[in-house]
Amino acid sequence: MEMRGDQKFVYERVERIPTEWKVKELLEIANINKEYQDPIKEYPEKKFFYLDIDSVENGSGKIRGAKSTIGKEAPSRARRIIHYNDVIMSMVRPYLKAFAIIPREFDNQICSTGFAVISCDEKKVLPHYLLYALFTKSVMEQCNKMMVGGQYPALNQSQVLKIRILCPPLPEQKKIAEVLGTADKAIEKVNEAIEKTQRLKKGLMRRLLTEGIGHTEFKETEIGRIPKEWDAVKLGDIALDLMGGGTPSTSNESYWDGNIPWMTSAHINGREVITGQRYITQEGLKNSATNLIPKGNLLIASRVGIGKVAVNKIDIAISQDLTGVVINKERAIPDFLYWNFANNERKLKTLAQGSTIKGILREDLSKLKLPLPNIPEQKKIMGVLGAVDERLELLRKRKERLEKIKRGLMEDLLTGRKRVRMS
């Protein structure tokens, strides 16, 4: 026995756990619910909910997309019957963390045969505690070791029952689940705020970029109805240059690890580009098809990732996947044009040509028509949409912080490293 602080710990099956805790295989505390039905044959006209693997958000324990169907239209994998408080666990590696507890509204419904349906013996383990325990590093390691198969490794139900988890006494299980549940509720509230803000942003983009601010008179154009004071312009009319890109030879070491930022379309992940994906030398710049796009202009994915757009806040060299659009700042503000393209992603995609690798020709991109207000109104629209974007960024960072806190709590509480206070 080993003393740690005021807690007593023992070594049991390699785990270092509090003395009151036990290591249990699932078969000792739960069973696999093997109830099965074929809705196509047995209930062709019956309506029911069906949970597929993609109905469960990987890693969160949340059911996001239950499908409503009737028996005769049910997918071939819709076979396993589920009940209230069952724990469903994906057995296929790409979705290894697609676990959830069945809420009351899905009692006696159906899930995919890709899930193991676990019914807890609630005198030994509580469903919500088990759900959190399944997400632990120890369980993931066990699953990965047991999985068999080539392209899509998977577990079988017998292997699921061999999974070992740490089981504290039931009152402590309940308290741990409550603490982690509180963290989940906080994360879910932020998720709801993010979704609400995203809907607001989408609506504002659609309205502001077609109706503007305070306009009462409109005109019909080939790109649709726009305010009378606005112009419908070609991108080439407000651009000083459209520049292609390239990649310096990766076999020539003297072209790489310099001080010139360089990027592909994969590096676009938001409204702004503020760093390089990689860095090249002056020699690499001179001896390749890449071009250096001056900061404060527009980067458009014109080959891989078509539809992605960003404003480069630094001078940056680009790959052949991108087109750099050098904007005439007297006519248009790059950040305003970003919002225009973000609101018309499908329009960009319709310009793509080719069979194997599709791309947009610079000539076609130059002819793309856009609605354009005057500079003062562009700034006002940018201000509104930018404020919403900043709100979204703050919410996403808050969610990241909460998720980090929850991961720390899980690591501590589900291993017994820290104990919950029992009142």
Protein backbone atom coordinates (compact mmCIF):
# COMPACT_ATOMS: atom_id res chain seq x y z
CA MET A 1 0.00 0.00 0.00
CA GLU A 2 1.19 3.53 -0.77
CA MET A 3 0.14 6.77 0.88
CA ARG A 4 -0.42 9.80 -1.32
CA GLY A 5 -1.60 12.92 0.51
CA ASP A 6 -4.50 11.83 2.66
CA GLN A 7 -5.55 9.10 0.22
CA LYS A 8 -4.61 5.44 0.32
CA PHE A 9 -3.69 3.83 -3.00
CA VAL A 10 -3.05 0.25 -4.06
CA TYR A 11 -1.63 -1.30 -7.21
CA GLU A 12 -4.25 -3.41 -8.97
CA ARG A 13 -3.73 -4.75 -12.50
CA VAL A 14 -1.07 -2.09 -13.03
CA GLU A 15 -3.54 0.74 -12.22
CA ARG A 16 -2.71 2.94 -9.21
CA ILE A 17 -6.10 3.63 -7.69
CA PRO A 18 -7.80 4.54 -4.39
CA THR A 19 -8.36 1.50 -2.16
CA GLU A 20 -12.17 1.77 -2.45
CA TRP A 21 -12.03 1.63 -6.24
CA LYS A 22 -12.08 -1.57 -8.29
CA VAL A 23 -11.00 -2.46 -11.80
CA LYS A 24 -13.91 -4.18 -13.53
CA GLU A 25 -14.45 -5.71 -16.96
CA LEU A 26 -17.69 -4.55 -18.55
CA LEU A 27 -19.04 -8.10 -18.45
CA GLU A 28 -18.98 -7.83 -14.61
CA ILE A 29 -21.06 -4.65 -14.45
CA ALA A 30 -23.09 -4.52 -17.68
CA ASN A 31 -24.31 -6.59 -20.58
CA ILE A 32 -24.70 -6.18 -24.30
CA ASN A 33 -28.29 -5.60 -25.34
CA LYS A 34 -28.67 -7.92 -28.33
CA GLU A 35 -32.32 -7.13 -29.10
CA TYR A 36 -32.65 -7.06 -32.85
CA GLN A 37 -35.36 -6.45 -35.40
CA ASP A 38 -35.65 -6.09 -39.16
CA PRO A 39 -37.95 -3.09 -39.67
CA ILE A 40 -38.11 -3.61 -43.44
CA LYS A 41 -39.76 -7.01 -43.00
CA GLU A 42 -41.40 -6.70 -39.58
CA TYR A 43 -42.67 -3.10 -39.52
CA PRO A 44 -42.59 -1.68 -43.07
CA GLU A 45 -45.03 1.19 -42.29
CA LYS A 46 -43.92 1.97 -38.75
CA LYS A 47 -42.26 5.34 -38.09
CA PHE A 48 -39.19 5.36 -35.85
CA PHE A 49 -35.97 7.19 -35.08
CA TYR A 50 -32.70 5.71 -36.27
CA LEU A 51 -29.27 6.56 -34.84
CA ASP A 52 -26.45 6.03 -37.30
CA ILE A 53 -22.75 6.47 -36.45
CA ASP A 54 -22.83 10.01 -37.82
CA SER A 55 -25.83 10.81 -35.58
CA VAL A 56 -23.46 10.94 -32.61
CA GLU A 57 -20.89 13.72 -32.32
CA ASN A 58 -17.49 12.08 -32.09
CA GLY A 59 -15.89 12.77 -28.72
CA SER A 60 -18.70 14.71 -27.01
CA GLY A 61 -21.34 12.11 -26.15
CA LYS A 62 -24.00 14.24 -27.84
CA ILE A 63 -26.69 12.96 -30.22
CA ARG A 64 -26.94 15.59 -32.96
CA GLY A 65 -28.68 14.05 -35.96
CA ALA A 66 -31.25 11.34 -35.27
CA LYS A 67 -32.95 10.29 -38.50
CA SER A 68 -36.69 9.79 -38.81
CA THR A 69 -37.76 7.03 -41.18
CA ILE A 70 -40.30 4.27 -41.78
CA GLY A 71 -39.51 0.57 -41.73
CA LYS A 72 -39.53 -0.14 -45.45
CA GLU A 73 -37.09 2.74 -46.05
CA ALA A 74 -34.76 1.85 -43.20
CA PRO A 75 -31.04 1.39 -43.97
CA SER A 76 -29.79 -2.20 -43.86
CA ARG A 77 -27.77 -1.44 -40.70
CA ALA A 78 -30.81 -0.17 -38.76
CA ARG A 79 -31.29 -3.28 -36.64
CA ARG A 80 -30.34 -2.84 -32.96
CA ILE A 81 -33.10 -1.90 -30.51
CA ILE A 82 -32.15 0.75 -27.93
CA HIS A 83 -33.69 1.69 -24.59
CA TYR A 84 -33.59 4.62 -22.22
CA ASN A 85 -30.22 4.88 -20.43
CA ASP A 86 -28.47 2.36 -22.69
CA VAL A 87 -24.95 3.43 -23.57
CA ILE A 88 -24.17 3.08 -27.27
CA MET A 89 -20.55 2.68 -28.32
CA SER A 90 -19.18 2.74 -31.86
CA MET A 91 -17.03 -0.29 -32.63
CA VAL A 92 -15.33 1.07 -35.78
CA ARG A 93 -12.06 3.03 -35.56
CA PRO A 94 -12.84 6.14 -37.63
CA TYR A 95 -15.68 6.82 -35.18
CA LEU A 96 -14.17 5.26 -32.07
CA LYS A 97 -15.39 8.04 -29.79
CA ALA A 98 -18.99 8.08 -31.04
CA PHE A 99 -20.54 7.18 -27.68
CA ALA A 100 -23.81 8.40 -26.15
CA ILE A 101 -26.50 7.69 -23.60
CA ILE A 102 -29.96 7.04 -24.98
CA PRO A 103 -32.38 9.76 -23.80
CA ARG A 104 -35.99 8.97 -23.00
CA GLU A 105 -37.29 10.19 -26.38
CA PHE A 106 -35.35 7.45 -28.18
CA ASP A 107 -36.52 4.62 -25.91
CA ASN A 108 -37.42 1.52 -27.96
CA GLN A 109 -36.02 3.04 -31.17
CA ILE A 110 -33.22 1.66 -33.41
CA CYS A 111 -29.52 2.23 -33.88
CA SER A 112 -26.91 0.99 -36.34
CA THR A 113 -25.28 -2.42 -36.02
CA GLY A 114 -22.02 -0.44 -35.89
CA PHE A 115 -22.80 0.27 -32.22
CA ALA A 116 -22.50 -1.98 -29.21
CA VAL A 117 -25.57 -1.33 -27.03
CA ILE A 118 -24.53 -1.55 -23.38
CA SER A 119 -27.11 -1.95 -20.61
CA CYS A 120 -25.70 -1.12 -17.18
CA ASP A 121 -26.32 -3.04 -13.96
CA GLU A 122 -27.08 0.15 -12.04
CA LYS A 123 -26.25 -1.53 -8.73
CA LYS A 124 -22.66 -1.63 -9.99
CA VAL A 125 -22.18 1.17 -12.52
CA LEU A 126 -24.20 4.25 -13.44
CA PRO A 127 -24.79 4.93 -17.18
CA HIS A 128 -23.49 8.51 -17.08
CA TYR A 129 -20.36 7.47 -15.21
CA LEU A 130 -19.77 4.65 -17.70
CA LEU A 131 -20.12 7.05 -20.63
CA TYR A 132 -17.38 9.31 -19.25
CA ALA A 133 -15.19 6.32 -18.37
CA LEU A 134 -15.36 5.06 -21.97
CA PHE A 135 -13.73 8.29 -23.17
CA THR A 136 -10.62 7.80 -21.03
CA LYS A 137 -7.16 7.22 -22.49
CA SER A 138 -7.01 3.78 -20.84
CA VAL A 139 -10.17 2.59 -22.60
CA MET A 140 -9.04 4.00 -25.95
CA GLU A 141 -5.73 2.13 -25.64
CA GLN A 142 -7.54 -1.11 -24.84
CA CYS A 143 -9.84 -0.69 -27.85
CA ASN A 144 -6.98 0.04 -30.23
CA LYS A 145 -5.11 -3.07 -29.06
CA MET A 146 -8.14 -5.34 -29.53
CA MET A 147 -9.31 -4.03 -32.91
CA VAL A 148 -8.84 -6.25 -35.93
CA GLY A 149 -9.19 -5.57 -39.66
CA GLY A 150 -7.30 -3.76 -42.38
CA GLN A 151 -8.90 -0.67 -43.85
CA TYR A 152 -11.61 -0.34 -41.18
CA PRO A 153 -10.40 -1.92 -37.91
CA ALA A 154 -13.25 -2.78 -35.56
CA LEU A 155 -14.19 -4.40 -32.28
CA ASN A 156 -16.73 -7.17 -31.83
CA GLN A 157 -19.22 -7.31 -28.99
CA SER A 158 -17.27 -9.94 -27.06
CA GLN A 159 -14.23 -7.66 -27.08
CA VAL A 160 -16.34 -4.74 -25.83
CA LEU A 161 -17.27 -6.79 -22.76
CA LYS A 162 -13.55 -7.28 -21.99
CA ILE A 163 -12.93 -3.54 -21.67
CA ARG A 164 -11.73 -2.69 -18.15
CA ILE A 165 -12.79 0.48 -16.38
CA LEU A 166 -12.18 1.93 -12.93
CA CYS A 167 -15.23 1.70 -10.69
CA PRO A 168 -15.47 3.86 -7.57
CA PRO A 169 -18.38 3.33 -5.16
CA LEU A 170 -21.76 4.34 -6.59
CA PRO A 171 -22.07 7.61 -4.62
CA GLU A 172 -18.69 8.71 -5.96
CA GLN A 173 -19.65 7.64 -9.51
CA LYS A 174 -22.74 9.82 -9.21
CA LYS A 175 -20.76 12.82 -7.97
CA ILE A 176 -18.10 12.47 -10.71
CA ALA A 177 -20.81 12.25 -13.38
CA GLU A 178 -22.49 15.37 -11.92
CA VAL A 179 -19.24 17.38 -11.99
CA LEU A 180 -18.47 16.36 -15.57
CA GLY A 181 -22.11 16.90 -16.52
CA THR A 182 -21.88 20.49 -15.25
CA ALA A 183 -18.86 21.03 -17.50
CA ASP A 184 -20.81 19.55 -20.42
CA LYS A 185 -23.74 21.88 -19.78
CA ALA A 186 -21.42 24.89 -19.83
CA ILE A 187 -19.93 23.70 -23.13
CA GLU A 188 -23.40 23.11 -24.56
CA LYS A 189 -24.49 26.66 -23.66
CA VAL A 190 -21.49 28.04 -25.54
CA ASN A 191 -22.31 25.75 -28.48
CA GLU A 192 -25.84 27.16 -28.55
CA ALA A 193 -24.45 30.71 -28.50
CA ILE A 194 -22.08 29.83 -31.36
CA GLU A 195 -24.91 28.36 -33.44
CA LYS A 196 -27.12 31.40 -32.76
CA THR A 197 -24.31 33.79 -33.72
CA GLN A 198 -23.57 31.80 -36.87
CA ARG A 199 -27.23 32.09 -37.91
CA LEU A 200 -27.11 35.83 -37.21
CA LYS A 201 -23.94 36.17 -39.26
CA LYS A 202 -25.42 34.25 -42.17
CA GLY A 203 -28.56 36.41 -42.17
CA LEU A 204 -26.59 39.64 -41.90
CA MET A 205 -24.27 38.64 -44.74
CA ARG A 206 -27.19 37.83 -47.01
CA ARG A 207 -28.97 41.11 -46.23
CA LEU A 208 -26.07 43.57 -46.01
CA LEU A 209 -24.31 42.28 -49.13
CA THR A 210 -27.42 42.53 -51.29
CA GLU A 211 -29.45 45.37 -49.70
CA GLY A 212 -26.75 47.42 -47.99
CA ILE A 213 -27.49 49.87 -45.17
CA GLY A 214 -30.44 52.26 -45.31
CA HIS A 215 -31.28 51.94 -49.01
CA THR A 216 -34.85 52.37 -50.25
CA GLU A 217 -34.33 52.28 -54.02
CA PHE A 218 -33.06 49.23 -55.89
CA LYS A 219 -32.30 48.12 -59.43
CA GLU A 220 -32.19 44.81 -61.24
CA THR A 221 -28.81 43.69 -62.62
CA GLU A 222 -27.40 40.50 -64.09
CA ILE A 223 -26.23 39.55 -60.60
CA GLY A 224 -29.61 40.26 -59.04
CA ARG A 225 -31.33 43.10 -57.21
CA ILE A 226 -28.94 45.61 -55.62
CA PRO A 227 -29.23 49.18 -54.23
CA LYS A 228 -29.56 51.85 -56.92
CA GLU A 229 -26.32 53.56 -55.81
CA TRP A 230 -24.25 50.36 -56.07
CA ASP A 231 -22.38 49.10 -59.14
CA ALA A 232 -22.16 45.59 -60.55
CA VAL A 233 -18.46 45.27 -61.40
CA LYS A 234 -16.11 42.62 -62.71
CA LEU A 235 -13.38 41.52 -60.33
CA GLY A 236 -10.87 42.51 -63.02
CA ASP A 237 -12.24 46.09 -62.99
CA ILE A 238 -11.27 46.58 -59.34
CA ALA A 239 -8.05 44.51 -59.42
CA LEU A 240 -4.61 45.79 -60.39
CA ASP A 241 -3.40 42.24 -61.03
CA LEU A 242 -4.37 38.57 -60.72
CA MET A 243 -1.29 36.49 -59.92
CA GLY A 244 -0.81 32.75 -60.04
CA GLY A 245 1.50 30.71 -57.85
CA GLY A 246 3.84 27.76 -57.76
CA THR A 247 5.93 25.52 -55.54
CA PRO A 248 9.73 25.66 -55.45
CA SER A 249 11.34 22.25 -56.03
CA THR A 250 11.20 20.34 -52.75
CA SER A 251 14.30 18.37 -53.77
CA ASN A 252 16.41 21.55 -53.73
CA GLU A 253 17.21 22.36 -50.10
CA SER A 254 18.48 25.82 -50.99
CA TYR A 255 14.92 26.85 -51.91
CA TRP A 256 13.47 26.16 -48.45
CA ASP A 257 13.75 27.29 -44.81
CA GLY A 258 14.36 30.91 -45.74
CA ASN A 259 12.52 33.98 -44.45
CA ILE A 260 9.80 34.39 -47.11
CA PRO A 261 6.36 33.07 -46.01
CA TRP A 262 4.77 30.65 -48.50
CA MET A 263 1.45 28.83 -48.44
CA THR A 264 -1.01 26.51 -50.17
CA SER A 265 -4.81 26.73 -50.03
CA ALA A 266 -4.75 24.30 -47.09
CA HIS A 267 -3.39 27.16 -44.96
CA ILE A 268 -6.57 29.20 -45.36
CA ASN A 269 -8.54 28.69 -42.16
CA GLY A 270 -10.51 31.84 -41.55
CA ARG A 271 -10.72 35.42 -42.71
CA GLU A 272 -7.05 36.34 -42.40
CA VAL A 273 -3.64 34.84 -43.17
CA ILE A 274 -1.05 36.08 -40.68
CA THR A 275 1.68 33.43 -40.94
CA GLY A 276 3.34 31.30 -43.57
CA GLN A 277 2.61 27.61 -43.91
CA ARG A 278 6.28 27.09 -44.82
CA TYR A 279 9.16 29.44 -45.63
CA ILE A 280 11.22 29.74 -48.79
CA THR A 281 14.41 31.57 -49.81
CA GLN A 282 14.96 34.35 -52.33
CA GLU A 283 16.45 31.68 -54.59
CA GLY A 284 13.29 29.60 -54.27
CA LEU A 285 11.18 32.64 -55.11
CA LYS A 286 13.22 33.46 -58.20
CA ASN A 287 13.47 29.91 -59.53
CA SER A 288 9.81 28.84 -59.37
CA ALA A 289 6.39 29.94 -60.57
CA THR A 290 5.41 31.30 -57.17
CA ASN A 291 4.64 34.99 -56.73
CA LEU A 292 4.87 37.22 -53.69
CA ILE A 293 1.48 38.80 -52.96
CA PRO A 294 1.80 42.15 -51.17
CA LYS A 295 0.02 42.28 -47.82
CA GLY A 296 -3.52 43.59 -47.69
CA ASN A 297 -4.87 41.78 -50.74
CA LEU A 298 -7.06 38.81 -51.56
CA LEU A 299 -6.07 35.12 -51.75
CA ILE A 300 -8.53 32.88 -53.59
CA ALA A 301 -8.28 29.08 -53.74
CA SER A 302 -8.55 28.52 -57.49
CA ARG A 303 -7.57 24.84 -57.66
CA VAL A 304 -7.55 22.75 -54.46
CA GLY A 305 -10.14 23.92 -51.93
CA ILE A 306 -12.08 26.04 -54.42
CA GLY A 307 -14.30 28.50 -52.57
CA LYS A 308 -11.83 29.34 -49.79
CA VAL A 309 -10.86 33.03 -49.58
CA ALA A 310 -8.74 35.09 -47.19
CA VAL A 311 -7.04 38.47 -46.85
CA ASN A 312 -3.26 38.21 -46.48
CA LYS A 313 -2.08 40.45 -43.66
CA ILE A 314 1.56 39.76 -44.55
CA ASP A 315 3.53 39.64 -47.79
CA ILE A 316 3.28 35.98 -48.79
CA ALA A 317 4.27 33.69 -51.67
CA ILE A 318 1.59 31.32 -52.94
CA SER A 319 1.34 27.86 -54.45
CA GLN A 320 -0.37 26.88 -57.70
CA ASP A 321 -3.57 26.22 -55.70
CA LEU A 322 -4.06 29.94 -55.16
CA THR A 323 -4.63 33.14 -57.08
CA GLY A 324 -3.52 36.40 -55.52
CA VAL A 325 -5.78 39.33 -56.37
CA VAL A 326 -4.06 42.71 -55.93
CA ILE A 327 -6.91 45.13 -55.26
CA ASN A 328 -7.26 48.74 -56.35
CA LYS A 329 -7.84 50.22 -52.88
CA GLU A 330 -9.48 53.32 -54.36
CA ARG A 331 -12.34 51.12 -55.59
CA ALA A 332 -12.64 48.35 -53.05
CA ILE A 333 -11.48 47.20 -49.62
CA PRO A 334 -10.08 43.63 -49.61
CA ASP A 335 -11.86 42.77 -46.35
CA PHE A 336 -15.19 43.82 -47.87
CA LEU A 337 -14.49 41.65 -50.92
CA TYR A 338 -13.71 38.75 -48.59
CA TRP A 339 -17.26 38.97 -47.22
CA ASN A 340 -18.64 39.11 -50.75
CA PHE A 341 -16.87 35.90 -51.70
CA ALA A 342 -17.74 34.22 -48.40
CA ASN A 343 -21.40 34.94 -49.18
CA ASN A 344 -21.06 33.57 -52.72
CA GLU A 345 -18.90 30.47 -52.32
CA ARG A 346 -21.08 28.50 -54.75
CA LYS A 347 -20.55 31.13 -57.44
CA LEU A 348 -16.80 30.56 -57.24
CA LYS A 349 -17.23 26.81 -57.46
CA THR A 350 -19.31 27.10 -60.64
CA LEU A 351 -16.28 28.60 -62.41
CA ALA A 352 -14.19 25.46 -61.90
CA GLN A 353 -13.18 23.49 -64.99
CA GLY A 354 -11.40 20.19 -65.57
CA SER A 355 -12.01 16.52 -64.89
CA THR A 356 -9.24 15.15 -62.65
CA ILE A 357 -8.19 18.33 -60.84
CA LYS A 358 -10.67 21.16 -61.26
CA GLY A 359 -9.48 24.74 -61.35
CA ILE A 360 -10.55 28.31 -62.09
CA LEU A 361 -8.82 30.16 -64.89
CA ARG A 362 -7.61 33.64 -63.98
CA GLU A 363 -9.41 34.96 -67.06
CA ASP A 364 -12.73 33.59 -65.76
CA LEU A 365 -12.04 34.84 -62.25
CA SER A 366 -11.36 38.29 -63.67
CA LYS A 367 -14.81 38.33 -65.32
CA LEU A 368 -16.66 37.38 -62.12
CA LYS A 369 -19.23 40.08 -61.29
CA LEU A 370 -19.74 41.47 -57.80
CA PRO A 371 -22.01 44.08 -56.17
CA LEU A 372 -19.98 47.09 -55.06
CA PRO A 373 -21.04 50.00 -52.81
CA ASN A 374 -18.90 53.06 -52.25
CA ILE A 375 -15.93 52.91 -49.85
CA PRO A 376 -17.72 54.46 -46.80
CA GLU A 377 -20.54 51.90 -47.04
CA GLN A 378 -18.04 49.08 -47.56
CA LYS A 379 -16.43 50.11 -44.25
CA LYS A 380 -19.80 50.16 -42.44
CA ILE A 381 -20.71 46.69 -43.71
CA MET A 382 -17.25 45.40 -42.78
CA GLY A 383 -17.67 46.84 -39.29
CA VAL A 384 -20.95 45.03 -38.67
CA LEU A 385 -19.81 41.67 -40.02
CA GLY A 386 -16.39 41.98 -38.41
CA ALA A 387 -17.99 42.55 -34.99
CA VAL A 388 -20.07 39.39 -35.38
CA ASP A 389 -16.97 37.47 -36.43
CA GLU A 390 -15.09 38.73 -33.36
CA ARG A 391 -17.98 37.56 -31.18
CA LEU A 392 -17.77 34.12 -32.79
CA GLU A 393 -14.02 33.96 -32.22
CA LEU A 394 -14.45 34.82 -28.53
CA LEU A 395 -17.10 32.12 -28.16
CA ARG A 396 -14.89 29.53 -29.88
CA LYS A 397 -11.99 30.38 -27.58
CA ARG A 398 -14.28 30.10 -24.57
CA LYS A 399 -15.42 26.70 -25.77
CA GLU A 400 -11.79 25.60 -26.18
CA ARG A 401 -11.02 26.69 -22.61
CA LEU A 402 -14.03 24.82 -21.22
CA GLU A 403 -13.14 21.69 -23.17
CA LYS A 404 -9.60 21.88 -21.81
CA ILE A 405 -10.96 22.19 -18.26
CA LYS A 406 -13.24 19.21 -18.84
CA ARG A 407 -10.36 17.08 -20.18
CA GLY A 408 -8.35 17.93 -17.07
CA LEU A 409 -11.27 17.02 -14.81
CA MET A 410 -11.75 13.71 -16.61
CA GLU A 411 -8.07 12.87 -16.34
CA ASP A 412 -8.10 13.62 -12.60
CA LEU A 413 -11.51 12.37 -11.48
CA LEU A 414 -11.79 9.21 -13.59
CA THR A 415 -8.39 7.95 -12.45
CA GLY A 416 -8.79 8.76 -8.76
CA ARG A 417 -5.86 11.17 -8.92
CA LYS A 418 -8.20 13.74 -7.38
CA ARG A 419 -11.32 12.88 -5.42
CA VAL A 420 -14.67 14.59 -5.42
CA ARG A 421 -15.88 15.91 -2.08
CA MET A 422 -18.65 13.71 -0.75
CA SER A 423 -21.10 15.62 1.45
